[in-house]
PDB file of N, CA and C in Angstrom:
ATOM      1  N   MET A   1      18.932   0.357 -17.297  1.00  0.00           N
ATOM      2  CA  MET A   1      18.940   0.265 -15.778  1.00  0.00           C
ATOM      3  C   MET A   1      17.801  -0.120 -15.170  1.00  0.00           C
ATOM      4  N   THR A   2      17.851  -1.454 -14.652  1.00  0.00           N
ATOM      5  CA  THR A   2      16.477  -1.822 -14.051  1.00  0.00           C
ATOM      6  C   THR A   2      16.285  -1.143 -12.752  1.00  0.00           C
ATOM      7  N   GLU A   3      14.864  -0.820 -12.671  1.00  0.00           N
ATOM      8  CA  GLU A   3      14.293  -0.024 -11.534  1.00  0.00           C
ATOM      9  C   GLU A   3      13.732  -1.046 -10.546  1.00  0.00           C
ATOM     10  N   LEU A   4      13.630  -0.691  -9.299  1.00  0.00           N
ATOM     11  CA  LEU A   4      12.931  -1.408  -8.168  1.00  0.00           C
ATOM     12  C   LEU A   4      11.624  -1.303  -8.336  1.00  0.00           C
ATOM     13  N   LYS A   5      10.955  -2.214  -7.772  1.00  0.00           N
ATOM     14  CA  LYS A   5       9.399  -2.180  -7.592  1.00  0.00           C
ATOM     15  C   LYS A   5       8.917  -1.090  -6.961  1.00  0.00           C
ATOM     16  N   LEU A   6       9.624  -0.741  -5.928  1.00  0.00           N
ATOM     17  CA  LEU A   6       9.145   0.410  -5.019  1.00  0.00           C
ATOM     18  C   LEU A   6       9.163   1.746  -5.735  1.00  0.00           C
ATOM     19  N   GLY A   7      10.100   2.287  -6.399  1.00  0.00           N
ATOM     20  CA  GLY A   7       9.878   3.397  -7.259  1.00  0.00           C
ATOM     21  C   GLY A   7      10.378   4.498  -6.433  1.00  0.00           C
ATOM     22  N   ARG A   8      10.140   5.807  -6.815  1.00  0.00           N
ATOM     23  CA  ARG A   8      10.433   6.941  -5.989  1.00  0.00           C
ATOM     24  C   ARG A   8       9.364   7.207  -4.836  1.00  0.00           C
ATOM     25  N   LEU A   9       9.809   7.742  -3.802  1.00  0.00           N
ATOM     26  CA  LEU A   9       8.930   7.756  -2.569  1.00  0.00           C
ATOM     27  C   LEU A   9       8.217   9.128  -2.693  1.00  0.00           C
ATOM     28  N   PRO A  10       6.857   9.083  -2.486  1.00  0.00           N
ATOM     29  CA  PRO A  10       5.915  10.310  -2.339  1.00  0.00           C
ATOM     30  C   PRO A  10       6.242  11.021  -0.970  1.00  0.00           C
ATOM     31  N   LYS A  11       5.827  12.177  -0.892  1.00  0.00           N
ATOM     32  CA  LYS A  11       5.767  12.880   0.485  1.00  0.00           C
ATOM     33  C   LYS A  11       4.594  12.659   1.092  1.00  0.00           C
ATOM     34  N   ALA A  12       4.511  12.266   2.390  1.00  0.00           N
ATOM     35  CA  ALA A  12       3.312  11.857   2.987  1.00  0.00           C
ATOM     36  C   ALA A  12       3.467  12.143   4.595  1.00  0.00           C
ATOM     37  N   GLY A  13       2.483  12.495   5.251  1.00  0.00           N
ATOM     38  CA  GLY A  13       2.579  12.458   6.838  1.00  0.00           C
ATOM     39  C   GLY A  13       2.622  11.191   7.239  1.00  0.00           C
ATOM     40  N   MET A  14       3.323  10.994   8.423  1.00  0.00           N
ATOM     41  CA  MET A  14       3.703   9.745   9.124  1.00  0.00           C
ATOM     42  C   MET A  14       3.283   9.487  10.501  1.00  0.00           C
ATOM     43  N   VAL A  15       3.186   8.411  10.819  1.00  0.00           N
ATOM     44  CA  VAL A  15       2.608   7.847  12.293  1.00  0.00           C
ATOM     45  C   VAL A  15       3.794   7.036  12.824  1.00  0.00           C
ATOM     46  N   ARG A  16       4.463   7.196  13.916  1.00  0.00           N
ATOM     47  CA  ARG A  16       5.621   6.373  14.188  1.00  0.00           C
ATOM     48  C   ARG A  16       4.963   5.012  14.899  1.00  0.00           C
ATOM     49  N   MET A  17       5.698   3.865  14.475  1.00  0.00           N
ATOM     50  CA  MET A  17       5.301   2.581  14.849  1.00  0.00           C
ATOM     51  C   MET A  17       6.628   1.853  15.234  1.00  0.00           C
ATOM     52  N   HIS A  18       6.714   1.015  16.123  1.00  0.00           N
ATOM     53  CA  HIS A  18       7.793   0.271  16.320  1.00  0.00           C
ATOM     54  C   HIS A  18       7.361  -1.277  16.153  1.00  0.00           C
ATOM     55  N   VAL A  19       8.168  -2.215  15.243  1.00  0.00           N
ATOM     56  CA  VAL A  19       7.971  -3.285  14.937  1.00  0.00           C
ATOM     57  C   VAL A  19       9.395  -4.246  15.050  1.00  0.00           C
ATOM     58  N   ALA A  20       9.431  -5.466  15.422  1.00  0.00           N
ATOM     59  CA  ALA A  20      10.565  -6.327  15.395  1.00  0.00           C
ATOM     60  C   ALA A  20      10.382  -7.123  14.293  1.00  0.00           C
ATOM     61  N   VAL A  21      11.594  -7.350  13.871  1.00  0.00           N
ATOM     62  CA  VAL A  21      11.801  -8.260  12.522  1.00  0.00           C
ATOM     63  C   VAL A  21      13.031  -9.183  12.812  1.00  0.00           C
ATOM     64  N   PRO A  22      12.939 -10.251  12.105  1.00  0.00           N
ATOM     65  CA  PRO A  22      14.163 -11.359  12.127  1.00  0.00           C
ATOM     66  C   PRO A  22      15.464 -10.489  11.440  1.00  0.00           C
ATOM     67  N   GLU A  23      16.513 -11.035  12.189  1.00  0.00           N
ATOM     68  CA  GLU A  23      17.808 -10.467  11.703  1.00  0.00           C
ATOM     69  C   GLU A  23      18.186 -10.750  10.255  1.00  0.00           C
ATOM     70  N   THR A  24      17.603 -11.819   9.744  1.00  0.00           N
ATOM     71  CA  THR A  24      17.736 -11.997   8.273  1.00  0.00           C
ATOM     72  C   THR A  24      17.037 -11.091   7.463  1.00  0.00           C
ATOM     73  N   LEU A  25      15.811 -10.783   7.886  1.00  0.00           N
ATOM     74  CA  LEU A  25      15.065  -9.760   7.109  1.00  0.00           C
ATOM     75  C   LEU A  25      15.770  -8.309   7.327  1.00  0.00           C
ATOM     76  N   LYS A  26      16.281  -8.004   8.494  1.00  0.00           N
ATOM     77  CA  LYS A  26      16.977  -6.617   8.740  1.00  0.00           C
ATOM     78  C   LYS A  26      17.953  -6.586   7.715  1.00  0.00           C
ATOM     79  N   ASP A  27      18.800  -7.713   7.549  1.00  0.00           N
ATOM     80  CA  ASP A  27      19.985  -7.574   6.550  1.00  0.00           C
ATOM     81  C   ASP A  27      19.442  -7.465   5.151  1.00  0.00           C
ATOM     82  N   GLU A  28      18.463  -8.166   4.773  1.00  0.00           N
ATOM     83  CA  GLU A  28      17.954  -7.963   3.479  1.00  0.00           C
ATOM     84  C   GLU A  28      17.178  -6.527   3.218  1.00  0.00           C
ATOM     85  N   LEU A  29      16.724  -5.941   4.203  1.00  0.00           N
ATOM     86  CA  LEU A  29      16.177  -4.506   4.113  1.00  0.00           C
ATOM     87  C   LEU A  29      17.316  -3.390   4.006  1.00  0.00           C
ATOM     88  N   ASP A  30      18.357  -3.887   4.719  1.00  0.00           N
ATOM     89  CA  ASP A  30      19.530  -2.930   4.672  1.00  0.00           C
ATOM     90  C   ASP A  30      20.096  -3.027   3.155  1.00  0.00           C
ATOM     91  N   ARG A  31      20.220  -4.187   2.708  1.00  0.00           N
ATOM     92  CA  ARG A  31      20.688  -4.270   1.125  1.00  0.00           C
ATOM     93  C   ARG A  31      19.847  -3.790   0.106  1.00  0.00           C
ATOM     94  N   TYR A  32      18.458  -3.722   0.563  1.00  0.00           N
ATOM     95  CA  TYR A  32      17.439  -3.200  -0.232  1.00  0.00           C
ATOM     96  C   TYR A  32      17.540  -1.538  -0.246  1.00  0.00           C
ATOM     97  N   ALA A  33      17.685  -0.990   1.025  1.00  0.00           N
ATOM     98  CA  ALA A  33      17.690   0.343   1.092  1.00  0.00           C
ATOM     99  C   ALA A  33      19.216   0.889   0.389  1.00  0.00           C
ATOM    100  N   ALA A  34      20.249   0.176   0.380  1.00  0.00           N
ATOM    101  CA  ALA A  34      21.407   0.394  -0.132  1.00  0.00           C
ATOM    102  C   ALA A  34      21.289   0.470  -1.748  1.00  0.00           C
ATOM    103  N   GLU A  35      20.514  -0.461  -2.358  1.00  0.00           N
ATOM    104  CA  GLU A  35      20.168  -0.549  -3.655  1.00  0.00           C
ATOM    105  C   GLU A  35      19.461   0.842  -4.084  1.00  0.00           C
ATOM    106  N   TYR A  36      18.353   0.971  -3.153  1.00  0.00           N
ATOM    107  CA  TYR A  36      17.247   1.999  -3.395  1.00  0.00           C
ATOM    108  C   TYR A  36      18.218   3.277  -3.582  1.00  0.00           C
ATOM    109  N   SER A  37      19.157   3.481  -2.545  1.00  0.00           N
ATOM    110  CA  SER A  37      20.075   4.869  -2.478  1.00  0.00           C
ATOM    111  C   SER A  37      20.841   4.922  -3.687  1.00  0.00           C
ATOM    112  N   ARG A  38      21.473   3.699  -4.112  1.00  0.00           N
ATOM    113  CA  ARG A  38      22.172   3.821  -5.329  1.00  0.00           C
ATOM    114  C   ARG A  38      21.581   4.378  -6.641  1.00  0.00           C
ATOM    115  N   LEU A  39      20.373   3.799  -6.858  1.00  0.00           N
ATOM    116  CA  LEU A  39      19.315   4.023  -7.908  1.00  0.00           C
ATOM    117  C   LEU A  39      18.668   5.298  -7.930  1.00  0.00           C
ATOM    118  N   TYR A  40      18.251   5.798  -6.790  1.00  0.00           N
ATOM    119  CA  TYR A  40      17.404   6.834  -6.748  1.00  0.00           C
ATOM    120  C   TYR A  40      17.722   8.073  -5.776  1.00  0.00           C
ATOM    121  N   GLU A  41      17.818   8.138  -4.594  1.00  0.00           N
ATOM    122  CA  GLU A  41      18.285   9.055  -3.622  1.00  0.00           C
ATOM    123  C   GLU A  41      18.518   8.265  -2.318  1.00  0.00           C
ATOM    124  N   PRO A  42      19.346   9.010  -1.454  1.00  0.00           N
ATOM    125  CA  PRO A  42      19.791   8.289  -0.122  1.00  0.00           C
ATOM    126  C   PRO A  42      18.385   7.910   0.575  1.00  0.00           C
ATOM    127  N   ALA A  43      18.112   6.816   1.327  1.00  0.00           N
ATOM    128  CA  ALA A  43      17.072   6.283   1.982  1.00  0.00           C
ATOM    129  C   ALA A  43      17.364   5.530   2.913  1.00  0.00           C
ATOM    130  N   ASP A  44      16.900   5.461   4.040  1.00  0.00           N
ATOM    131  CA  ASP A  44      17.219   4.394   5.037  1.00  0.00           C
ATOM    132  C   ASP A  44      15.974   3.433   5.148  1.00  0.00           C
ATOM    133  N   VAL A  45      16.254   2.243   5.721  1.00  0.00           N
ATOM    134  CA  VAL A  45      15.360   1.344   6.071  1.00  0.00           C
ATOM    135  C   VAL A  45      13.880   1.831   6.594  1.00  0.00           C
ATOM    136  N   ALA A  46      14.191   2.621   7.593  1.00  0.00           N
ATOM    137  CA  ALA A  46      12.982   3.049   8.273  1.00  0.00           C
ATOM    138  C   ALA A  46      12.227   4.142   7.357  1.00  0.00           C
ATOM    139  N   THR A  47      12.834   4.783   6.289  1.00  0.00           N
ATOM    140  CA  THR A  47      11.975   5.437   5.521  1.00  0.00           C
ATOM    141  C   THR A  47      11.325   4.619   4.299  1.00  0.00           C
ATOM    142  N   LEU A  48      11.799   3.668   3.976  1.00  0.00           N
ATOM    143  CA  LEU A  48      11.327   2.722   2.910  1.00  0.00           C
ATOM    144  C   LEU A  48      10.113   1.767   3.442  1.00  0.00           C
ATOM    145  N   ILE A  49      10.355   1.176   4.476  1.00  0.00           N
ATOM    146  CA  ILE A  49       9.283   0.391   5.095  1.00  0.00           C
ATOM    147  C   ILE A  49       7.863   0.797   4.969  1.00  0.00           C
ATOM    148  N   PRO A  50       7.494   2.121   5.301  1.00  0.00           N
ATOM    149  CA  PRO A  50       5.969   2.341   5.157  1.00  0.00           C
ATOM    150  C   PRO A  50       5.571   2.192   3.750  1.00  0.00           C
ATOM    151  N   HIS A  51       6.465   2.703   2.843  1.00  0.00           N
ATOM    152  CA  HIS A  51       6.204   2.561   1.351  1.00  0.00           C
ATOM    153  C   HIS A  51       6.152   0.911   0.899  1.00  0.00           C
ATOM    154  N   MET A  52       6.987   0.360   1.596  1.00  0.00           N
ATOM    155  CA  MET A  52       6.834  -1.254   0.925  1.00  0.00           C
ATOM    156  C   MET A  52       5.715  -1.841   1.489  1.00  0.00           C
ATOM    157  N   LEU A  53       5.268  -1.459   2.570  1.00  0.00           N
ATOM    158  CA  LEU A  53       3.893  -1.928   3.179  1.00  0.00           C
ATOM    159  C   LEU A  53       2.766  -1.608   2.309  1.00  0.00           C
ATOM    160  N   GLU A  54       2.790  -0.305   2.041  1.00  0.00           N
ATOM    161  CA  GLU A  54       1.616   0.108   1.297  1.00  0.00           C
ATOM    162  C   GLU A  54       1.704  -0.483   0.012  1.00  0.00           C
ATOM    163  N   ALA A  55       2.819  -0.653  -0.758  1.00  0.00           N
ATOM    164  CA  ALA A  55       2.823  -1.232  -2.056  1.00  0.00           C
ATOM    165  C   ALA A  55       2.444  -2.929  -1.922  1.00  0.00           C
ATOM    166  N   PHE A  56       2.775  -3.377  -0.931  1.00  0.00           N
ATOM    167  CA  PHE A  56       2.379  -4.727  -0.616  1.00  0.00           C
ATOM    168  C   PHE A  56       0.830  -4.940  -0.553  1.00  0.00           C
ATOM    169  N   ILE A  57      -0.005  -4.002   0.168  1.00  0.00           N
ATOM    170  CA  ILE A  57      -1.287  -3.889   0.623  1.00  0.00           C
ATOM    171  C   ILE A  57      -1.902  -3.519  -0.774  1.00  0.00           C
ATOM    172  N   ARG A  58      -1.539  -2.529  -1.514  1.00  0.00           N
ATOM    173  CA  ARG A  58      -1.953  -2.392  -2.854  1.00  0.00           C
ATOM    174  C   ARG A  58      -2.050  -3.686  -3.851  1.00  0.00           C
ATOM    175  N   SER A  59      -0.986  -4.454  -3.667  1.00  0.00           N
ATOM    176  CA  SER A  59      -0.934  -5.373  -4.739  1.00  0.00           C
ATOM    177  C   SER A  59      -1.572  -6.850  -4.192  1.00  0.00           C
ATOM    178  N   ASP A  60      -2.223  -6.844  -3.034  1.00  0.00           N
ATOM    179  CA  ASP A  60      -2.960  -8.008  -2.592  1.00  0.00           C
ATOM    180  C   ASP A  60      -4.291  -7.991  -3.133  1.00  0.00           C
ATOM    181  N   ARG A  61      -4.520  -8.754  -4.073  1.00  0.00           N
ATOM    182  CA  ARG A  61      -5.899  -8.889  -4.839  1.00  0.00           C
ATOM    183  C   ARG A  61      -6.977  -9.275  -3.844  1.00  0.00           C
ATOM    184  N   GLY A  62      -6.547 -10.441  -2.947  1.00  0.00           N
ATOM    185  CA  GLY A  62      -7.508 -10.739  -2.145  1.00  0.00           C
ATOM    186  C   GLY A  62      -8.069  -9.740  -1.323  1.00  0.00           C
ATOM    187  N   TYR A  63      -7.214  -9.151  -0.607  1.00  0.00           N
ATOM    188  CA  TYR A  63      -7.564  -8.010   0.349  1.00  0.00           C
ATOM    189  C   TYR A  63      -8.358  -6.861  -0.403  1.00  0.00           C
ATOM    190  N   ARG A  64      -8.121  -6.607  -1.578  1.00  0.00           N
ATOM    191  CA  ARG A  64      -8.678  -5.434  -2.255  1.00  0.00           C
ATOM    192  C   ARG A  64     -10.359  -5.986  -2.455  1.00  0.00           C
ATOM    193  N   ARG A  65     -10.288  -7.278  -2.934  1.00  0.00           N
ATOM    194  CA  ARG A  65     -11.547  -7.820  -3.327  1.00  0.00           C
ATOM    195  C   ARG A  65     -12.483  -7.821  -2.094  1.00  0.00           C
ATOM    196  N   ARG A  66     -12.014  -8.281  -0.782  1.00  0.00           N
ATOM    197  CA  ARG A  66     -12.754  -8.356   0.307  1.00  0.00           C
ATOM    198  C   ARG A  66     -13.054  -6.873   0.951  1.00  0.00           C
ATOM    199  N   ARG A  67     -12.220  -6.007   0.644  1.00  0.00           N
ATOM    200  CA  ARG A  67     -12.407  -4.652   1.063  1.00  0.00           C
ATOM    201  C   ARG A  67     -13.491  -4.139   0.128  1.00  0.00           C
ATOM    202  N   THR A  68     -13.611  -4.243  -1.132  1.00  0.00           N
ATOM    203  CA  THR A  68     -14.543  -3.671  -1.991  1.00  0.00           C
ATOM    204  C   THR A  68     -16.020  -4.398  -1.500  1.00  0.00           C
ATOM    205  N   ARG A  69     -16.036  -5.627  -1.322  1.00  0.00           N
ATOM    206  CA  ARG A  69     -17.299  -6.290  -0.873  1.00  0.00           C
ATOM    207  C   ARG A  69     -17.774  -5.684   0.259  1.00  0.00           C
ATOM    208  N   ALA A  70     -16.817  -5.462   1.298  1.00  0.00           N
ATOM    209  CA  ALA A  70     -17.236  -4.835   2.584  1.00  0.00           C
ATOM    210  C   ALA A  70     -17.723  -3.317   2.416  1.00  0.00           C
ATOM    211  N   ARG A  71     -17.430  -2.668   1.334  1.00  0.00           N
ATOM    212  CA  ARG A  71     -17.757  -1.386   0.959  1.00  0.00           C
ATOM    213  C   ARG A  71     -18.961  -1.160   0.335  1.00  0.00           C
ATOM    214  N   ARG A  72     -19.559  -2.306  -0.275  1.00  0.00           N
ATOM    215  CA  ARG A  72     -20.829  -2.240  -1.147  1.00  0.00           C
ATOM    216  C   ARG A  72     -21.836  -1.458  -0.241  1.00  0.00           C
ATOM    217  N   GLY A  73     -22.589  -0.569  -1.085  1.00  0.00           N
ATOM    218  CA  GLY A  73     -23.393   0.067  -0.288  1.00  0.00           C
ATOM    219  C   GLY A  73     -23.156   1.482   0.395  1.00  0.00           C
ATOM    220  N   GLU A  74     -21.821   1.504   0.622  1.00  0.00           N
ATOM    221  CA  GLU A  74     -21.313   2.830   1.127  1.00  0.00           C
ATOM    222  C   GLU A  74     -21.153   4.013   0.221  1.00  0.00           C
ATOM    223  N   SER A  75     -21.039   5.242   0.686  1.00  0.00           N
ATOM    224  CA  SER A  75     -21.001   6.326  -0.366  1.00  0.00           C
ATOM    225  C   SER A  75     -19.796   6.191  -1.205  1.00  0.00           C
ATOM    226  N   ALA A  76     -19.874   6.805  -2.399  1.00  0.00           N
ATOM    227  CA  ALA A  76     -18.676   6.753  -3.449  1.00  0.00           C
ATOM    228  C   ALA A  76     -17.720   7.766  -2.877  1.00  0.00           C
ATOM    229  N   GLU A  77     -18.099   8.814  -2.021  1.00  0.00           N
ATOM    230  CA  GLU A  77     -17.321   9.779  -1.708  1.00  0.00           C
ATOM    231  C   GLU A  77     -16.339   9.558  -0.679  1.00  0.00           C
ATOM    232  N   ARG A  78     -16.311   8.331  -0.354  1.00  0.00           N
ATOM    233  CA  ARG A  78     -15.398   7.912   0.875  1.00  0.00           C
ATOM    234  C   ARG A  78     -13.958   8.226   0.554  1.00  0.00           C
ATOM    235  N   SER A  79     -13.214   8.543   1.405  1.00  0.00           N
ATOM    236  CA  SER A  79     -11.738   9.016   1.115  1.00  0.00           C
ATOM    237  C   SER A  79     -11.012   7.703   0.725  1.00  0.00           C
ATOM    238  N   ALA A  80      -9.769   7.870   0.057  1.00  0.00           N
ATOM    239  CA  ALA A  80      -8.908   6.874  -0.421  1.00  0.00           C
ATOM    240  C   ALA A  80      -8.271   6.325   0.837  1.00  0.00           C
ATOM    241  N   PRO A  81      -7.955   4.704   0.677  1.00  0.00           N
ATOM    242  CA  PRO A  81      -7.313   4.255   1.962  1.00  0.00           C
ATOM    243  C   PRO A  81      -5.800   4.691   2.156  1.00  0.00           C
ATOM    244  N   PHE A  82      -5.148   5.209   1.143  1.00  0.00           N
ATOM    245  CA  PHE A  82      -3.779   5.591   1.296  1.00  0.00           C
ATOM    246  C   PHE A  82      -3.526   6.992   0.441  1.00  0.00           C
ATOM    247  N   PRO A  83      -2.645   7.692   1.056  1.00  0.00           N
ATOM    248  CA  PRO A  83      -2.310   9.003   0.276  1.00  0.00           C
ATOM    249  C   PRO A  83      -1.997   8.695  -1.208  1.00  0.00           C
ATOM    250  N   GLY A  84      -2.770   9.472  -2.040  1.00  0.00           N
ATOM    251  CA  GLY A  84      -2.657   9.343  -3.387  1.00  0.00           C
ATOM    252  C   GLY A  84      -3.241   8.287  -4.103  1.00  0.00           C
ATOM    253  N   ALA A  85      -3.704   7.362  -3.314  1.00  0.00           N
ATOM    254  CA  ALA A  85      -4.560   6.244  -3.733  1.00  0.00           C
ATOM    255  C   ALA A  85      -5.996   6.670  -4.340  1.00  0.00           C
ATOM    256  N   SER A  86      -6.433   5.952  -5.396  1.00  0.00           N
ATOM    257  CA  SER A  86      -7.968   6.542  -5.713  1.00  0.00           C
ATOM    258  C   SER A  86      -8.830   5.636  -5.053  1.00  0.00           C
ATOM    259  N   PRO A  87     -10.137   6.205  -4.593  1.00  0.00           N
ATOM    260  CA  PRO A  87     -10.987   5.502  -3.917  1.00  0.00           C
ATOM    261  C   PRO A  87     -11.321   4.111  -4.634  1.00  0.00           C
ATOM    262  N   ALA A  88     -11.651   3.089  -3.722  1.00  0.00           N
ATOM    263  CA  ALA A  88     -12.192   1.839  -4.499  1.00  0.00           C
ATOM    264  C   ALA A  88     -13.483   2.096  -5.234  1.00  0.00           C
ATOM    265  N   PRO A  89     -13.808   1.538  -6.449  1.00  0.00           N
ATOM    266  CA  PRO A  89     -15.036   1.771  -7.175  1.00  0.00           C
ATOM    267  C   PRO A  89     -16.125   1.181  -6.160  1.00  0.00           C
ATOM    268  N   PRO A  90     -17.290   1.877  -6.324  1.00  0.00           N
ATOM    269  CA  PRO A  90     -18.499   1.272  -5.594  1.00  0.00           C
ATOM    270  C   PRO A  90     -18.992   0.017  -6.002  1.00  0.00           C
ATOM    271  N   GLY A  91     -19.608  -0.724  -5.194  1.00  0.00           N
ATOM    272  CA  GLY A  91     -20.066  -2.105  -5.692  1.00  0.00           C
ATOM    273  C   GLY A  91     -21.284  -1.940  -6.649  1.00  0.00           C
ATOM    274  N   PRO A  92     -21.915  -2.915  -7.192  1.00  0.00           N
ATOM    275  CA  PRO A  92     -23.131  -2.769  -8.112  1.00  0.00           C
ATOM    276  C   PRO A  92     -24.337  -2.412  -7.113  1.00  0.00           C
ATOM    277  N   GLU A  93     -25.380  -1.822  -7.820  1.00  0.00           N
ATOM    278  CA  GLU A  93     -26.457  -1.452  -6.978  1.00  0.00           C
ATOM    279  C   GLU A  93     -27.351  -2.603  -6.686  1.00  0.00           C
ATOM    280  N   PRO A  94     -27.924  -2.763  -5.419  1.00  0.00           N
ATOM    281  CA  PRO A  94     -28.696  -3.892  -5.407  1.00  0.00           C
ATOM    282  C   PRO A  94     -30.045  -3.936  -6.350  1.00  0.00           C
ATOM    283  N   ASP A  95     -30.438  -5.206  -6.833  1.00  0.00           N
ATOM    284  CA  ASP A  95     -31.556  -5.107  -7.772  1.00  0.00           C
ATOM    285  C   ASP A  95     -32.725  -5.395  -6.893  1.00  0.00           C
ATOM    286  N   PRO A  96     -33.684  -4.151  -6.856  1.00  0.00           N
ATOM    287  CA  PRO A  96     -34.866  -4.471  -5.948  1.00  0.00           C
ATOM    288  C   PRO A  96     -35.996  -5.592  -6.451  1.00  0.00           C
ATOM    289  N   GLU A  97     -35.928  -6.053  -7.816  1.00  0.00           N
ATOM    290  CA  GLU A  97     -36.841  -6.849  -8.211  1.00  0.00           C
ATOM    291  C   GLU A  97     -36.036  -8.413  -7.872  1.00  0.00           C
ATOM    292  N   ALA A  98     -34.951  -8.497  -7.731  1.00  0.00           N
ATOM    293  CA  ALA A  98     -34.292  -9.737  -7.302  1.00  0.00           C
ATOM    294  C   ALA A  98     -34.951 -10.328  -6.177  1.00  0.00           C
ATOM    295  N   SER A  99     -35.470  -9.588  -5.125  1.00  0.00           N
ATOM    296  CA  SER A  99     -35.814 -10.137  -3.970  1.00  0.00           C
ATOM    297  C   SER A  99     -37.386 -10.528  -4.001  1.00  0.00           C
ATOM    298  N   ALA A 100     -37.996 -10.005  -4.848  1.00  0.00           N
ATOM    299  CA  ALA A 100     -39.445 -10.128  -5.262  1.00  0.00           C
ATOM    300  C   ALA A 100     -39.849 -11.450  -5.679  1.00  0.00           C
TER     301      ALA A 100
END
C-alpha cells in the first residue's frame, strides 16, 4: 500500500487561524483528506492543513539555509522551530585570525 507524504499526525497544541483558499484547492484538500482517512484514521481538512504546512516548511531547503545563516552566533540551546523538530545545527565559529 502506498503511503502519503504526510504520514500519521502527531499530537500538538494548536492556535486557530482563518485562511481563504481557491475553490479548486479546497476540492483537492477534501480529496486528500478522504484518502488520508482511508489509509490512516479519520481526519478532516482543518486537521491536516497545519501538518501539511509544517511538512512544506521543513522540506524547503532555501528557507532552512537562510534560517541557519540568520542563527549563526546564537546559542545552540535555542528551542526547535516546530514541536518534535530538532534544533538547527549551530553555524561555524568565526575565525578570529581571519580578520587580522
